């Protein structure tokens, strides 16, 4: 997995979405400059943590970073339906059951 590619996708979700980046920063509880620095693929000293990534996806409504990661591991991201009986994270092959 190329960190640059994932970070670029995160940066695009912040800068190219319909919501101003300053509003996103406020929603996730990060200073605007810190959020932009963490999402800058050319800044090698600050990176988006997993909790922040989840907050960013929720704030932007953009799941492209999650889709990218799933694809890199050979999976397709499929929305869980109300009729699904299996948790999204407890699929065959990982051996773990996680409730999100």
C-alpha atoms as a PDB file:
ATOM      1  CA  UNK A   1       0.000   0.000   0.000  1.00  0.00           C
ATOM      2  CA  UNK A   2       1.384   3.354  -0.929  1.00  0.00           C
ATOM      3  CA  UNK A   3       0.966   5.882   1.869  1.00  0.00           C
ATOM      4  CA  UNK A   4       1.097   8.733  -0.642  1.00  0.00           C
ATOM      5  CA  UNK A   5      -1.924   7.393  -2.542  1.00  0.00           C
ATOM      6  CA  UNK A   6      -4.044   6.959   0.574  1.00  0.00           C
ATOM      7  CA  UNK A   7      -3.062  10.352   1.966  1.00  0.00           C
ATOM      8  CA  UNK A   8      -3.855  11.989  -1.375  1.00  0.00           C
ATOM      9  CA  UNK A   9      -7.320  10.401  -1.341  1.00  0.00           C
ATOM     10  CA  UNK A  10      -7.845  11.708   2.195  1.00  0.00           C
ATOM     11  CA  UNK A  11      -6.675  15.176   1.138  1.00  0.00           C
ATOM     12  CA  UNK A  12      -9.048  15.159  -1.843  1.00  0.00           C
ATOM     13  CA  UNK A  13     -11.981  14.153   0.357  1.00  0.00           C
ATOM     14  CA  UNK A  14     -11.300  17.207   2.519  1.00  0.00           C
ATOM     15  CA  UNK A  15     -10.544  19.759  -0.184  1.00  0.00           C
ATOM     16  CA  UNK A  16     -12.853  18.667  -2.985  1.00  0.00           C
ATOM     17  CA  UNK A  17     -16.009  17.813  -1.053  1.00  0.00           C
ATOM     18  CA  UNK A  18     -19.027  20.022  -0.694  1.00  0.00           C
ATOM     19  CA  UNK A  19     -18.174  21.135   2.837  1.00  0.00           C
ATOM     20  CA  UNK A  20     -15.563  23.808   3.631  1.00  0.00           C
ATOM     21  CA  UNK A  21     -12.372  22.374   5.135  1.00  0.00           C
ATOM     22  CA  UNK A  22     -12.610  24.735   8.118  1.00  0.00           C
ATOM     23  CA  UNK A  23     -16.029  23.295   8.949  1.00  0.00           C
ATOM     24  CA  UNK A  24     -14.662  19.748   8.692  1.00  0.00           C
ATOM     25  CA  UNK A  25     -11.781  20.641  11.017  1.00  0.00           C
ATOM     26  CA  UNK A  26     -14.224  22.027  13.555  1.00  0.00           C
ATOM     27  CA  UNK A  27     -16.449  18.938  13.311  1.00  0.00           C
ATOM     28  CA  UNK A  28     -13.558  16.555  13.952  1.00  0.00           C
ATOM     29  CA  UNK A  29     -12.085  18.706  16.713  1.00  0.00           C
ATOM     30  CA  UNK A  30      -8.756  19.473  15.064  1.00  0.00           C
ATOM     31  CA  UNK A  31      -7.142  22.801  14.336  1.00  0.00           C
ATOM     32  CA  UNK A  32      -7.567  23.605  10.639  1.00  0.00           C
ATOM     33  CA  UNK A  33      -3.814  23.848  10.001  1.00  0.00           C
ATOM     34  CA  UNK A  34      -3.146  20.526  11.782  1.00  0.00           C
ATOM     35  CA  UNK A  35      -5.818  18.722   9.780  1.00  0.00           C
ATOM     36  CA  UNK A  36      -4.447  20.035   6.480  1.00  0.00           C
ATOM     37  CA  UNK A  37      -0.902  19.176   7.477  1.00  0.00           C
ATOM     38  CA  UNK A  38      -1.857  15.612   8.426  1.00  0.00           C
ATOM     39  CA  UNK A  39      -3.673  15.198   5.089  1.00  0.00           C
ATOM     40  CA  UNK A  40      -0.764  16.564   3.038  1.00  0.00           C
ATOM     41  CA  UNK A  41       0.861  13.673   1.139  1.00  0.00           C
ATOM     42  CA  UNK A  42       4.137  15.621   0.924  1.00  0.00           C
ATOM     43  CA  UNK A  43       4.437  16.141   4.700  1.00  0.00           C
ATOM     44  CA  UNK A  44       6.243  13.096   6.033  1.00  0.00           C
ATOM     45  CA  UNK A  45       6.161  14.150   9.683  1.00  0.00           C
ATOM     46  CA  UNK A  46       2.404  14.422  10.289  1.00  0.00           C
ATOM     47  CA  UNK A  47      -0.118  11.771   9.299  1.00  0.00           C
ATOM     48  CA  UNK A  48      -3.808  11.088   9.798  1.00  0.00           C
ATOM     49  CA  UNK A  49      -4.456   8.584  12.580  1.00  0.00           C
ATOM     50  CA  UNK A  50      -7.123   5.922  12.292  1.00  0.00           C
ATOM     51  CA  UNK A  51      -9.518   7.673  14.692  1.00  0.00           C
ATOM     52  CA  UNK A  52      -9.141  10.917  12.765  1.00  0.00           C
ATOM     53  CA  UNK A  53      -9.686   9.072   9.492  1.00  0.00           C
ATOM     54  CA  UNK A  54     -12.966   7.691  10.780  1.00  0.00           C
ATOM     55  CA  UNK A  55     -14.007  11.170  11.918  1.00  0.00           C
ATOM     56  CA  UNK A  56     -13.029  12.607   8.512  1.00  0.00           C
ATOM     57  CA  UNK A  57     -15.054  10.025   6.620  1.00  0.00           C
ATOM     58  CA  UNK A  58     -18.043  10.725   8.817  1.00  0.00           C
ATOM     59  CA  UNK A  59     -17.684  14.514   8.463  1.00  0.00           C
ATOM     60  CA  UNK A  60     -17.158  14.449   4.695  1.00  0.00           C
ATOM     61  CA  UNK A  61     -19.467  11.549   3.900  1.00  0.00           C
ATOM     62  CA  UNK A  62     -16.675  10.287   1.649  1.00  0.00           C
ATOM     63  CA  UNK A  63     -15.672   6.647   2.066  1.00  0.00           C
ATOM     64  CA  UNK A  64     -13.066   6.690  -0.716  1.00  0.00           C
ATOM     65  CA  UNK A  65     -10.194   6.096   1.766  1.00  0.00           C
ATOM     66  CA  UNK A  66     -11.950   2.994   3.114  1.00  0.00           C
ATOM     67  CA  UNK A  67     -12.746   1.758  -0.396  1.00  0.00           C
ATOM     68  CA  UNK A  68      -9.093   2.236  -1.379  1.00  0.00           C
ATOM     69  CA  UNK A  69      -7.869   0.246   1.631  1.00  0.00           C
ATOM     70  CA  UNK A  70     -10.383  -2.546   1.035  1.00  0.00           C
ATOM     71  CA  UNK A  71      -9.346  -2.807  -2.618  1.00  0.00           C
ATOM     72  CA  UNK A  72      -5.654  -2.943  -1.685  1.00  0.00           C
ATOM     73  CA  UNK A  73      -6.418  -6.009   0.456  1.00  0.00           C
ATOM     74  CA  UNK A  74      -8.506  -7.625  -2.274  1.00  0.00           C
ATOM     75  CA  UNK A  75     -11.936  -6.789  -0.847  1.00  0.00           C
ATOM     76  CA  UNK A  76     -14.960  -4.912  -2.092  1.00  0.00           C
ATOM     77  CA  UNK A  77     -16.670  -2.519   0.276  1.00  0.00           C
ATOM     78  CA  UNK A  78     -20.368  -3.345   0.485  1.00  0.00           C
ATOM     79  CA  UNK A  79     -22.880  -1.543   2.696  1.00  0.00           C
ATOM     80  CA  UNK A  80     -24.359  -3.784   5.344  1.00  0.00           C
ATOM     81  CA  UNK A  81     -28.116  -4.103   5.001  1.00  0.00           C
ATOM     82  CA  UNK A  82     -30.636  -4.455   7.801  1.00  0.00           C
ATOM     83  CA  UNK A  83     -31.168  -8.081   6.789  1.00  0.00           C
ATOM     84  CA  UNK A  84     -27.479  -8.958   7.016  1.00  0.00           C
ATOM     85  CA  UNK A  85     -26.806 -11.435   9.792  1.00  0.00           C
ATOM     86  CA  UNK A  86     -23.034 -11.249   9.770  1.00  0.00           C
ATOM     87  CA  UNK A  87     -21.065  -8.291  11.061  1.00  0.00           C
ATOM     88  CA  UNK A  88     -19.078  -6.469   8.369  1.00  0.00           C
ATOM     89  CA  UNK A  89     -15.788  -7.134  10.171  1.00  0.00           C
ATOM     90  CA  UNK A  90     -16.325 -10.809  10.936  1.00  0.00           C
ATOM     91  CA  UNK A  91     -16.107 -12.145   7.397  1.00  0.00           C
ATOM     92  CA  UNK A  92     -14.277 -15.298   6.433  1.00  0.00           C
ATOM     93  CA  UNK A  93     -10.544 -15.154   6.458  1.00  0.00           C
ATOM     94  CA  UNK A  94      -9.768 -12.705   9.232  1.00  0.00           C
ATOM     95  CA  UNK A  95     -10.637 -14.834  12.261  1.00  0.00           C
ATOM     96  CA  UNK A  96     -11.840 -11.838  14.242  1.00  0.00           C
ATOM     97  CA  UNK A  97     -15.287 -10.670  15.184  1.00  0.00           C
ATOM     98  CA  UNK A  98     -15.505  -6.933  15.759  1.00  0.00           C
ATOM     99  CA  UNK A  99     -18.628  -4.929  16.426  1.00  0.00           C
ATOM    100  CA  UNK A 100     -18.431  -1.439  14.981  1.00  0.00           C
END
